Amino acid sequence: MRLHVQTRGSAGPPLLLVHGWGGDHRVWDTLDFGARRVIAVDLRGHGKSPAPAAGYTPADLAGDLLPLIEEPVVAVGHSMGAQVVTALAVEHPSAVRAMVVVAPAYGADEAEERLIPGRLAALRADGAAAASRQLGPLPVAVREQLLATPGHVLAECYAGMYTLPESFGVRRRSERYLARRICPVLAVHNVPQAARWEAGLPAHPHSRTVVWPEAGHFLHLEQPERFVELVLSGC
């Protein structure tokens, strides 16, 4: 799998930036990490990367990233990307020195879990249009990226996150899988209840959870300078 990648900077350790569901590497363009080495990727099926018929579990997507990693990275993932970097850290721990998860798409509670079958059926029937309805208002650039993502990619990624036997998006499975992360984790949430849940999980002693309750799901785009400062100060 030859992924489309954008790199910049040279100072390390490198930041591996992983976008969310229906996004691509351009979602990180407005974030200025200075001289820091940055690797921003289009996951399979997204942006300019190939879109095969299958292979869209977080573990599959994480495996695609391994050829890009020449030394242990700080893996930064937003939403679905947070599941991908978590799978990278769990399945390939030597590749990840630390993680930043941003509004992660895991830990779905029982109320959200009840919505999953209907959402998946809508995605299989209506692709990006259904995804756009489910997500609601989005930044213009992000919405354009979403609408350009093939419908089967959105549906298979969603299934990979929430419904397949190996998925860990729902809370009871999240708790088991996240306990396997052995590196420090900086979790940045915009939902206080989700932040409290994550802060209560077993974690590396240098892990921490912060919450920006005034922000939306794309908090790194709403407050890019604050986000960059947080990442660079902790990683």
Protein backbone atom coordinates (compact mmCIF):
# COMPACT_ATOMS: atom_id res chain seq x y z
CA MET A 1 0.00 0.00 0.00
CA ARG A 2 1.73 3.16 -1.25
CA LEU A 3 0.22 5.97 0.79
CA HIS A 4 0.28 9.62 -0.15
CA VAL A 5 2.46 11.47 2.36
CA GLN A 6 3.43 15.08 2.99
CA THR A 7 6.55 15.77 5.05
CA ARG A 8 8.18 18.91 6.40
CA GLY A 9 10.74 19.93 8.98
CA SER A 10 13.76 18.00 10.23
CA ALA A 11 13.92 18.27 14.02
CA GLY A 12 12.85 15.19 15.93
CA PRO A 13 11.37 13.09 17.25
CA PRO A 14 9.02 13.02 14.27
CA LEU A 15 5.31 13.71 14.55
CA LEU A 16 3.15 11.27 12.57
CA LEU A 17 -0.16 13.06 11.90
CA VAL A 18 -3.18 10.85 11.20
CA HIS A 19 -6.43 12.45 10.07
CA GLY A 20 -9.95 11.36 10.93
CA TRP A 21 -12.75 9.57 9.08
CA GLY A 22 -13.24 11.01 5.60
CA GLY A 23 -10.36 13.48 5.94
CA ASP A 24 -6.86 13.63 4.49
CA HIS A 25 -3.44 15.10 5.23
CA ARG A 26 -4.58 18.65 4.42
CA VAL A 27 -6.51 18.86 7.70
CA TRP A 28 -3.13 19.52 9.38
CA ASP A 29 -1.93 22.22 6.96
CA THR A 30 -2.84 25.17 9.19
CA LEU A 31 -0.87 23.81 12.17
CA ASP A 32 2.64 25.25 12.41
CA PHE A 33 4.99 22.87 14.21
CA GLY A 34 8.03 24.97 13.32
CA ALA A 35 11.16 22.99 12.53
CA ARG A 36 9.71 19.75 13.95
CA ARG A 37 9.77 16.79 11.60
CA VAL A 38 6.19 16.15 10.48
CA ILE A 39 4.80 13.22 8.49
CA ALA A 40 1.19 13.82 7.43
CA VAL A 41 -0.44 10.87 5.72
CA ASP A 42 -3.53 10.06 3.66
CA LEU A 43 -4.83 6.76 5.04
CA ARG A 44 -5.84 4.12 2.53
CA GLY A 45 -9.06 5.11 0.76
CA HIS A 46 -8.63 8.78 1.72
CA GLY A 47 -7.22 11.75 -0.15
CA LYS A 48 -4.70 10.70 -2.78
CA SER A 49 -4.03 7.20 -1.42
CA PRO A 50 -5.40 4.08 -3.16
CA ALA A 51 -8.88 2.85 -2.20
CA PRO A 52 -8.97 -0.96 -2.28
CA ALA A 53 -12.14 -2.88 -1.55
CA ALA A 54 -11.09 -4.05 1.91
CA GLY A 55 -8.56 -3.56 4.70
CA TYR A 56 -10.11 -0.75 6.74
CA THR A 57 -9.86 -1.84 10.36
CA PRO A 58 -7.73 0.42 12.58
CA ALA A 59 -5.12 -2.36 12.70
CA ASP A 60 -5.06 -2.54 8.89
CA LEU A 61 -4.67 1.22 8.60
CA ALA A 62 -1.96 1.21 11.27
CA GLY A 63 -0.06 -1.52 9.44
CA ASP A 64 0.02 0.65 6.32
CA LEU A 65 1.93 3.28 8.32
CA LEU A 66 4.87 1.07 9.29
CA PRO A 67 6.92 1.66 6.09
CA LEU A 68 6.83 5.40 6.84
CA ILE A 69 8.43 5.00 10.27
CA GLU A 70 12.22 5.08 10.36
CA GLU A 71 12.48 5.84 14.10
CA PRO A 72 9.90 5.81 16.91
CA VAL A 73 7.33 8.55 16.34
CA VAL A 74 4.98 10.67 18.35
CA ALA A 75 1.74 9.48 16.77
CA VAL A 76 -0.99 12.13 16.65
CA GLY A 77 -4.48 11.00 15.64
CA HIS A 78 -7.81 12.80 15.42
CA SER A 79 -11.15 10.97 15.80
CA MET A 80 -10.79 7.78 13.73
CA GLY A 81 -7.10 8.62 13.51
CA ALA A 82 -6.96 8.22 17.30
CA GLN A 83 -8.10 4.61 16.85
CA VAL A 84 -5.45 4.13 14.16
CA VAL A 85 -2.56 5.45 16.29
CA THR A 86 -3.85 3.43 19.24
CA ALA A 87 -3.74 0.29 17.09
CA LEU A 88 -0.25 1.28 15.94
CA ALA A 89 0.93 1.64 19.55
CA VAL A 90 -0.71 -1.61 20.69
CA GLU A 91 0.21 -3.84 17.75
CA HIS A 92 3.63 -2.28 16.98
CA PRO A 93 4.83 -0.76 20.26
CA SER A 94 8.42 -0.27 19.12
CA ALA A 95 7.21 2.19 16.46
CA VAL A 96 5.58 4.66 18.88
CA ARG A 97 7.37 6.59 21.62
CA ALA A 98 4.31 8.63 22.63
CA MET A 99 0.78 9.38 21.43
CA VAL A 100 -1.62 12.29 21.17
CA VAL A 101 -5.28 11.38 20.70
CA VAL A 102 -7.62 14.22 19.74
CA ALA A 103 -11.41 13.85 20.25
CA PRO A 104 -10.90 10.09 19.86
CA ALA A 105 -13.54 7.94 18.16
CA TYR A 106 -13.47 5.26 20.83
CA GLY A 107 -15.33 4.84 24.10
CA ALA A 108 -18.82 4.99 22.59
CA ASP A 109 -21.30 4.69 25.47
CA GLU A 110 -24.47 2.59 25.42
CA ALA A 111 -26.62 5.38 23.97
CA GLU A 112 -24.25 5.88 21.06
CA GLU A 113 -23.79 2.15 20.61
CA ARG A 114 -27.52 1.75 19.93
CA LEU A 115 -27.20 4.11 16.95
CA ILE A 116 -24.35 2.23 15.28
CA PRO A 117 -26.30 -0.39 13.25
CA GLY A 118 -28.57 2.24 11.69
CA ARG A 119 -25.65 4.52 10.90
CA LEU A 120 -23.73 1.71 9.21
CA ALA A 121 -26.76 0.73 7.13
CA ALA A 122 -27.14 4.35 5.99
CA LEU A 123 -23.46 4.53 5.06
CA ARG A 124 -23.69 1.36 3.00
CA ALA A 125 -26.73 2.76 1.19
CA ASP A 126 -25.76 6.40 0.76
CA GLY A 127 -22.02 6.76 1.30
CA ALA A 128 -20.60 10.23 1.84
CA ALA A 129 -24.03 11.89 1.85
CA ALA A 130 -25.01 9.77 4.86
CA ALA A 131 -21.69 10.49 6.56
CA SER A 132 -22.24 14.20 6.08
CA ARG A 133 -25.69 13.98 7.67
CA GLN A 134 -24.36 11.98 10.58
CA LEU A 135 -21.50 14.38 11.32
CA GLY A 136 -23.50 17.58 10.96
CA PRO A 137 -21.87 20.96 10.27
CA LEU A 138 -18.18 20.67 9.37
CA PRO A 139 -15.39 23.07 8.45
CA VAL A 140 -15.70 23.72 4.71
CA ALA A 141 -12.40 22.09 3.80
CA VAL A 142 -13.17 19.02 5.91
CA ARG A 143 -16.61 18.63 4.35
CA GLU A 144 -15.04 18.73 0.88
CA GLN A 145 -12.59 16.01 1.88
CA LEU A 146 -15.42 13.88 3.28
CA LEU A 147 -17.58 14.18 0.18
CA ALA A 148 -14.61 13.13 -1.98
CA THR A 149 -14.12 9.91 0.01
CA PRO A 150 -15.57 6.76 -1.64
CA GLY A 151 -18.69 5.45 0.05
CA HIS A 152 -17.33 1.95 0.56
CA VAL A 153 -14.32 3.41 2.37
CA LEU A 154 -16.51 5.32 4.82
CA ALA A 155 -18.70 2.28 5.48
CA GLU A 156 -15.83 -0.17 5.90
CA CYS A 157 -13.90 2.20 8.17
CA TYR A 158 -17.01 2.64 10.32
CA ALA A 159 -17.50 -1.12 10.55
CA GLY A 160 -13.82 -1.51 11.40
CA MET A 161 -14.16 0.94 14.24
CA TYR A 162 -17.42 -0.31 15.75
CA THR A 163 -18.94 -3.57 14.53
CA LEU A 164 -16.32 -6.12 13.49
CA PRO A 165 -15.18 -8.68 16.07
CA GLU A 166 -11.79 -6.96 16.43
CA SER A 167 -13.22 -3.44 16.73
CA PHE A 168 -12.67 -1.42 19.91
CA GLY A 169 -14.85 1.64 19.39
CA VAL A 170 -17.54 0.80 21.93
CA ARG A 171 -16.71 1.44 25.54
CA ARG A 172 -16.46 -2.07 26.96
CA ARG A 173 -14.04 -3.06 24.19
CA SER A 174 -12.18 0.25 24.35
CA GLU A 175 -11.36 -0.29 28.00
CA ARG A 176 -9.72 -3.64 27.30
CA TYR A 177 -7.81 -2.51 24.23
CA LEU A 178 -6.59 0.85 25.52
CA ALA A 179 -5.17 -0.86 28.60
CA ARG A 180 -2.61 -2.43 26.25
CA ARG A 181 -1.02 0.93 25.38
CA ILE A 182 2.37 1.09 27.10
CA CYS A 183 3.62 4.50 25.91
CA PRO A 184 2.66 7.91 27.34
CA VAL A 185 -0.67 9.18 25.99
CA LEU A 186 -1.80 12.80 25.82
CA ALA A 187 -5.59 12.71 25.37
CA VAL A 188 -7.27 15.95 24.29
CA HIS A 189 -11.06 15.87 24.61
CA ASN A 190 -13.81 18.38 24.04
CA VAL A 191 -16.46 16.34 25.92
CA PRO A 192 -15.93 16.40 29.71
CA GLN A 193 -17.64 13.05 30.30
CA ALA A 194 -15.39 11.35 27.75
CA ALA A 195 -12.34 13.01 29.30
CA ARG A 196 -13.28 11.74 32.76
CA TRP A 197 -13.74 8.22 31.40
CA GLU A 198 -10.34 8.21 29.67
CA ALA A 199 -8.58 9.72 32.67
CA GLY A 200 -9.82 6.77 34.76
CA LEU A 201 -8.26 4.11 32.52
CA PRO A 202 -4.97 2.35 33.32
CA ALA A 203 -2.17 4.25 31.59
CA HIS A 204 1.53 5.03 31.49
CA PRO A 205 2.48 7.22 34.49
CA HIS A 206 3.38 10.12 32.17
CA SER A 207 -0.02 10.05 30.45
CA ARG A 208 -2.47 12.87 30.97
CA THR A 209 -5.92 13.94 29.82
CA VAL A 210 -7.00 17.50 29.11
CA VAL A 211 -10.42 18.82 28.19
CA TRP A 212 -11.43 21.89 26.19
CA PRO A 213 -15.19 21.95 26.80
CA GLU A 214 -15.66 25.14 24.80
CA ALA A 215 -14.35 23.46 21.64
CA GLY A 216 -15.99 21.29 19.02
CA HIS A 217 -14.90 17.97 17.55
CA PHE A 218 -12.23 19.64 15.39
CA LEU A 219 -10.64 21.39 18.34
CA HIS A 220 -7.17 21.35 16.76
CA LEU A 221 -8.52 23.45 13.89
CA GLU A 222 -10.49 25.79 16.13
CA GLN A 223 -7.48 26.57 18.34
CA PRO A 224 -4.41 25.60 16.29
CA GLU A 225 -1.80 27.65 18.16
CA ARG A 226 -2.98 26.34 21.53
CA PHE A 227 -3.00 22.80 20.21
CA VAL A 228 0.51 23.05 18.75
CA GLU A 229 1.83 24.47 22.02
CA LEU A 230 0.22 21.61 23.94
CA VAL A 231 1.71 18.96 21.67
CA LEU A 232 5.20 20.43 21.54
CA SER A 233 5.33 21.05 25.29
CA GLY A 234 4.35 17.47 26.07
CA CYS A 235 6.08 15.56 23.27
